[in-house]
Protein backbone atom coordinates (compact mmCIF):
# COMPACT_ATOMS: atom_id res chain seq x y z
CA MET A 1 0.00 0.00 0.00
CA ARG A 2 1.23 3.49 -0.86
CA GLU A 3 2.90 5.46 1.89
CA GLU A 4 0.53 8.42 1.62
CA ILE A 5 -2.47 6.13 2.14
CA LEU A 6 -0.97 4.60 5.28
CA GLN A 7 -0.09 8.09 6.48
CA TYR A 8 -3.69 9.20 5.97
CA TYR A 9 -5.12 6.35 8.05
CA SER A 10 -2.34 6.59 10.62
CA SER A 11 -3.55 10.12 11.35
CA GLY A 12 -6.68 8.61 12.90
CA VAL A 13 -8.91 10.73 10.68
CA GLU A 14 -11.14 7.74 9.84
CA THR A 15 -11.42 6.27 13.34
CA TYR A 16 -14.65 8.00 14.33
CA ARG A 17 -15.78 9.28 10.93
CA LEU A 18 -18.84 7.04 10.74
CA GLU A 19 -20.01 8.24 14.14
CA ARG A 20 -20.35 11.83 12.93
CA GLU A 21 -23.82 12.95 11.84
CA SER A 22 -22.57 13.75 8.34
CA SER A 23 -21.58 10.08 7.90
CA GLN A 24 -24.46 8.42 9.75
CA LEU A 25 -26.43 8.05 6.52
CA GLU A 26 -23.56 6.10 4.95
CA LYS A 27 -23.31 3.84 7.99
CA ILE A 28 -27.02 3.13 8.38
CA ARG A 29 -27.62 2.51 4.69
CA THR A 30 -24.62 0.16 4.50
CA GLN A 31 -25.89 -1.77 7.51
CA GLU A 32 -29.39 -1.91 6.06
CA ILE A 33 -28.17 -3.39 2.77
CA ILE A 34 -25.91 -5.93 4.48
CA LEU A 35 -28.77 -7.16 6.67
CA ARG A 36 -30.92 -7.85 3.60
CA TYR A 37 -28.50 -10.59 2.57
CA ILE A 38 -26.90 -12.18 5.63
CA GLY A 39 -30.04 -13.09 7.55
CA GLU A 40 -30.29 -13.65 11.31
CA SER A 41 -28.51 -17.00 11.67
CA PRO A 42 -24.83 -16.67 12.70
CA VAL A 43 -22.40 -16.69 9.78
CA ARG A 44 -18.63 -16.41 9.42
CA ILE A 45 -17.61 -12.96 8.20
CA LEU A 46 -14.30 -11.50 7.02
CA ASP A 47 -14.03 -7.71 7.10
CA VAL A 48 -11.17 -6.80 4.73
CA GLY A 49 -9.85 -3.27 5.07
CA GLY A 50 -12.28 -2.80 7.94
CA GLY A 51 -10.34 0.00 9.59
CA ALA A 52 -11.09 0.45 13.27
CA GLY A 53 -13.78 -2.21 13.08
CA VAL A 54 -16.99 -0.18 12.97
CA TYR A 55 -18.83 -2.81 10.93
CA SER A 56 -16.90 -5.70 12.49
CA TYR A 57 -18.09 -4.88 15.99
CA TRP A 58 -21.62 -4.18 14.82
CA LEU A 59 -21.80 -7.63 13.23
CA LYS A 60 -20.16 -9.23 16.25
CA GLN A 61 -22.82 -7.69 18.47
CA LEU A 62 -25.42 -9.33 16.23
CA GLY A 63 -23.95 -12.73 17.05
CA HIS A 64 -21.79 -13.44 14.00
CA GLU A 65 -18.22 -14.75 13.92
CA VAL A 66 -16.15 -11.82 12.67
CA HIS A 67 -12.53 -11.59 11.57
CA LEU A 68 -10.85 -8.27 10.71
CA VAL A 69 -7.99 -7.69 8.28
CA ASP A 70 -6.48 -4.25 7.68
CA PRO A 71 -3.13 -2.92 6.33
CA SER A 72 -2.81 -0.15 8.92
CA PRO A 73 -1.29 -0.95 12.35
CA VAL A 74 -2.94 2.21 13.70
CA ASN A 75 -6.35 1.03 12.54
CA LEU A 76 -5.84 -2.32 14.26
CA GLU A 77 -4.73 -0.60 17.45
CA ASN A 78 -7.82 1.60 17.33
CA ALA A 79 -9.97 -1.47 16.71
CA GLU A 80 -8.51 -3.14 19.80
CA THR A 81 -9.17 0.01 21.83
CA LYS A 82 -12.74 0.16 20.57
CA GLY A 83 -13.26 -3.46 21.59
CA LYS A 84 -12.11 -2.72 25.11
CA GLU A 85 -14.37 0.31 25.30
CA ILE A 86 -17.47 -1.70 24.42
CA GLY A 87 -16.41 -4.93 26.13
CA LEU A 88 -16.34 -7.01 22.97
CA LYS A 89 -13.62 -9.03 21.25
CA LEU A 90 -13.43 -9.95 17.58
CA ASP A 91 -12.64 -13.54 16.66
CA SER A 92 -9.38 -12.31 15.12
CA ALA A 93 -7.71 -9.15 13.84
CA HIS A 94 -4.72 -9.37 11.51
CA LEU A 95 -2.49 -7.07 9.52
CA GLY A 96 -2.97 -7.81 5.84
CA LEU A 97 -3.67 -6.59 2.32
CA ALA A 98 -6.72 -7.18 0.16
CA ASP A 99 -4.66 -8.77 -2.62
CA LYS A 100 -2.97 -11.20 -0.19
CA ILE A 101 -5.63 -12.09 2.36
CA PRO A 102 -4.09 -14.09 5.24
CA GLN A 103 -6.99 -16.54 5.50
CA PRO A 104 -7.60 -20.06 4.12
CA SER A 105 -9.64 -20.72 1.00
CA GLU A 106 -13.42 -21.24 1.14
CA SER A 107 -13.59 -20.37 4.82
CA PHE A 108 -16.11 -17.51 5.00
CA ASP A 109 -19.81 -17.06 4.31
CA VAL A 110 -19.51 -13.30 3.85
CA VAL A 111 -16.69 -10.94 2.85
CA LEU A 112 -16.88 -7.20 3.40
CA PHE A 113 -14.78 -5.17 0.95
CA LEU A 114 -15.87 -1.78 2.22
CA GLY A 115 -12.57 0.01 1.68
CA PRO A 116 -10.00 -1.88 -0.41
CA LEU A 117 -11.27 -0.95 -3.86
CA TYR A 118 -10.83 2.76 -3.11
CA HIS A 119 -7.08 2.46 -2.81
CA LEU A 120 -6.22 -0.02 -5.55
CA THR A 121 -5.80 2.52 -8.29
CA GLU A 122 -5.26 0.12 -11.22
CA LYS A 123 -7.95 -2.18 -12.53
CA GLU A 124 -5.59 -5.17 -12.53
CA GLU A 125 -4.96 -4.66 -8.80
CA ARG A 126 -8.68 -4.52 -8.07
CA ILE A 127 -9.38 -7.70 -10.03
CA ILE A 128 -6.62 -9.54 -8.15
CA ALA A 129 -8.07 -8.39 -4.83
CA LEU A 130 -11.60 -9.37 -5.80
CA LYS A 131 -10.36 -12.81 -6.84
CA GLU A 132 -8.69 -13.11 -3.43
CA ALA A 133 -12.06 -12.36 -1.86
CA SER A 134 -13.57 -15.07 -4.04
CA ARG A 135 -10.87 -17.50 -2.90
CA VAL A 136 -11.67 -17.11 0.80
CA LEU A 137 -15.43 -17.17 0.23
CA LYS A 138 -17.39 -20.40 0.30
CA LYS A 139 -19.34 -21.28 -2.82
CA GLY A 140 -22.52 -19.26 -2.75
CA GLY A 141 -20.98 -16.83 -0.26
CA ILE A 142 -21.79 -13.13 -0.44
CA ILE A 143 -19.42 -10.21 -1.03
CA PHE A 144 -20.17 -6.54 -0.41
CA THR A 145 -17.88 -4.19 -2.33
CA ALA A 146 -17.89 -0.46 -1.64
CA ALA A 147 -16.71 2.13 -4.13
CA ILE A 148 -16.52 5.92 -4.15
CA SER A 149 -18.50 7.48 -6.98
CA ARG A 150 -16.68 9.09 -9.88
CA TYR A 151 -18.67 12.25 -9.15
CA ALA A 152 -18.12 12.46 -5.39
CA SER A 153 -15.68 15.36 -5.62
CA LEU A 154 -17.96 17.16 -8.07
CA PHE A 155 -20.93 17.20 -5.70
CA ASP A 156 -18.87 17.64 -2.56
CA GLY A 157 -16.82 20.40 -4.13
CA PHE A 158 -19.81 22.52 -5.04
CA THR A 159 -22.12 21.80 -2.10
CA ARG A 160 -19.41 22.59 0.46
CA ASP A 161 -17.71 25.20 -1.73
CA LEU A 162 -14.41 23.35 -1.75
CA VAL A 163 -14.02 24.68 -5.29
CA ALA A 164 -13.17 28.04 -3.73
CA ASP A 165 -9.77 26.51 -2.99
CA SER A 166 -7.63 26.62 -6.12
CA LEU A 167 -5.71 23.58 -4.84
CA PHE A 168 -8.88 21.49 -4.92
CA LEU A 169 -9.71 22.20 -8.55
CA PRO A 170 -7.00 19.98 -10.12
CA ILE A 171 -8.16 17.13 -7.87
CA LEU A 172 -11.74 17.56 -9.07
CA ARG A 173 -10.77 17.80 -12.73
CA GLN A 174 -8.63 14.66 -12.57
CA ASP A 175 -11.43 12.73 -10.87
CA LEU A 176 -13.82 13.59 -13.67
CA ILE A 177 -11.33 12.64 -16.37
CA ASN A 178 -10.44 9.14 -15.19
CA GLY A 179 -11.32 8.65 -11.53
CA GLN A 180 -7.69 8.80 -10.41
CA HIS A 181 -7.97 10.82 -7.20
CA ARG A 182 -4.72 12.41 -6.06
CA ASN A 183 -4.35 14.81 -3.15
CA ASP A 184 -1.05 16.66 -3.27
CA THR A 185 -2.11 19.13 -0.60
CA ASN A 186 -1.73 18.79 3.15
CA ASN A 187 -5.49 18.87 3.62
CA PHE A 188 -6.78 15.43 4.67
CA GLU A 189 -10.32 16.68 4.03
CA TYR A 190 -9.54 16.09 0.36
CA PHE A 191 -8.93 12.38 1.12
CA THR A 192 -5.89 10.49 -0.16
CA THR A 193 -4.73 8.50 -3.18
CA ALA A 194 -7.71 6.58 -4.50
CA PHE A 195 -9.74 5.46 -7.49
CA PHE A 196 -13.30 6.74 -7.90
CA HIS A 197 -15.53 4.31 -9.80
CA HIS A 198 -18.12 4.93 -12.43
CA PRO A 199 -21.06 2.62 -11.52
CA THR A 200 -20.56 0.55 -14.66
CA GLU A 201 -16.89 -0.02 -13.77
CA LEU A 202 -17.78 -1.53 -10.40
CA LYS A 203 -20.27 -3.84 -12.08
CA ASP A 204 -17.80 -4.90 -14.78
CA GLU A 205 -14.99 -5.56 -12.29
CA MET A 206 -17.15 -7.76 -10.08
CA LEU A 207 -18.26 -9.76 -13.10
CA GLU A 208 -14.71 -10.06 -14.42
CA ALA A 209 -13.57 -11.39 -11.04
CA GLY A 210 -16.13 -14.18 -11.35
CA PHE A 211 -18.92 -13.02 -9.08
CA LYS A 212 -22.59 -13.35 -9.92
CA LEU A 213 -23.78 -9.78 -9.60
CA LYS A 214 -26.90 -9.28 -7.54
CA GLU A 215 -27.06 -5.50 -7.61
CA ILE A 216 -25.20 -2.21 -7.48
CA LEU A 217 -26.87 0.14 -5.02
CA PRO A 218 -26.37 3.76 -3.98
CA VAL A 219 -25.43 4.13 -0.33
CA GLU A 220 -26.31 7.76 0.44
CA SER A 221 -28.01 8.40 -2.92
CA PHE A 222 -29.17 12.06 -2.98
CA GLY A 223 -29.34 12.20 0.82
CA TRP A 224 -25.85 13.49 1.47
CA LEU A 225 -26.61 16.61 -0.59
CA VAL A 226 -29.52 17.74 1.59
CA PRO A 227 -28.87 21.31 2.84
CA GLY A 228 -28.49 21.49 6.62
CA PHE A 229 -28.19 17.71 6.78
CA ALA A 230 -26.76 17.48 10.33
CA LYS A 231 -29.66 19.37 11.86
CA LYS A 232 -32.35 17.60 9.84
CA TRP A 233 -30.85 14.18 10.57
CA LYS A 234 -31.61 14.69 14.27
CA ASP A 235 -35.34 14.84 13.45
CA GLU A 236 -36.54 11.23 13.66
CA ASN A 237 -39.47 11.75 11.27
CA TYR A 238 -37.28 13.49 8.69
CA ARG A 239 -34.61 10.81 9.03
CA GLN A 240 -37.13 8.04 8.35
CA LEU A 241 -38.60 9.92 5.41
CA LEU A 242 -35.13 10.32 3.93
CA LEU A 243 -34.25 6.63 4.37
CA ASP A 244 -37.59 5.49 2.94
CA THR A 245 -37.25 7.76 -0.08
CA ILE A 246 -33.70 6.64 -0.80
CA LYS A 247 -34.90 3.04 -0.71
CA THR A 248 -37.72 3.93 -3.11
CA VAL A 249 -35.30 5.24 -5.77
CA GLU A 250 -32.31 2.96 -5.12
CA LYS A 251 -33.04 0.74 -8.14
CA ASP A 252 -32.98 3.67 -10.55
CA GLU A 253 -29.63 3.28 -12.33
CA SER A 254 -29.76 6.84 -13.65
CA LEU A 255 -29.33 8.11 -10.06
CA LEU A 256 -26.41 5.89 -9.06
CA GLY A 257 -23.66 8.40 -9.78
CA ILE A 258 -25.13 11.01 -7.44
CA SER A 259 -24.32 8.87 -4.41
CA ALA A 260 -20.99 9.45 -2.66
CA HIS A 261 -20.60 5.69 -2.22
CA LEU A 262 -21.79 2.68 -4.17
CA LEU A 263 -22.26 -0.82 -2.81
CA GLY A 264 -21.96 -3.85 -5.05
CA VAL A 265 -23.45 -7.13 -3.88
CA GLY A 266 -22.31 -10.38 -5.46
CA ALA A 267 -22.42 -14.13 -4.93
CA ASN A 268 -19.41 -16.43 -5.25
CA GLU A 269 -20.01 -18.97 -8.02
């Protein structure tokens, strides 16, 4: 993994990101989609690139067997700290990369790939990693693959006026040209080295890696662009209306690109 990516995560910037109101929609929608497929019976889950274990601990609390793999020692340390804070222990937590998963073949019912595809900037790297996920999955097992939308910087840049910063503009332009996100500034708010997918690219890569595609879904859909989101999110009735409406339009492929994150769901054949 590139040094700048490890440096980004070593800063701890992602540790509590999903707990902030601005990211709660991403978290809740991701959880909602995962629950549609894994059912209530305990299954064996591998969370690859799971960071500080936000989804790992959530799934562990639901009674599943959960193993965490992440390339950042800081993330693993933060995951251990989080476990102590909530009085819960994962079944294992190992240092490892998505293209060399340190787990035996056909040993998991579910694989979460909620971060790795962001930081594998070449298609060949992403296909190798997805095939690794296929290797550790049992036949018929389910994979969830997250991707950042090609247009994330476009919407974020104009809704939060990041475009007022001349240093942000080259980042935005490059994203729109080919999805190759590069942040040469010292501002971690502009993320780090990554690849931003067009929805069709995520679909094609999952198919090329041998998965049977079930669906590509928007995570936040239009919801993350709502003005005054943090305040409105605190209103329970508004929050439910937003979630229900996103679910209503989630199958509309013409709206996929508006979402900050995409979630691909596939079955291992």
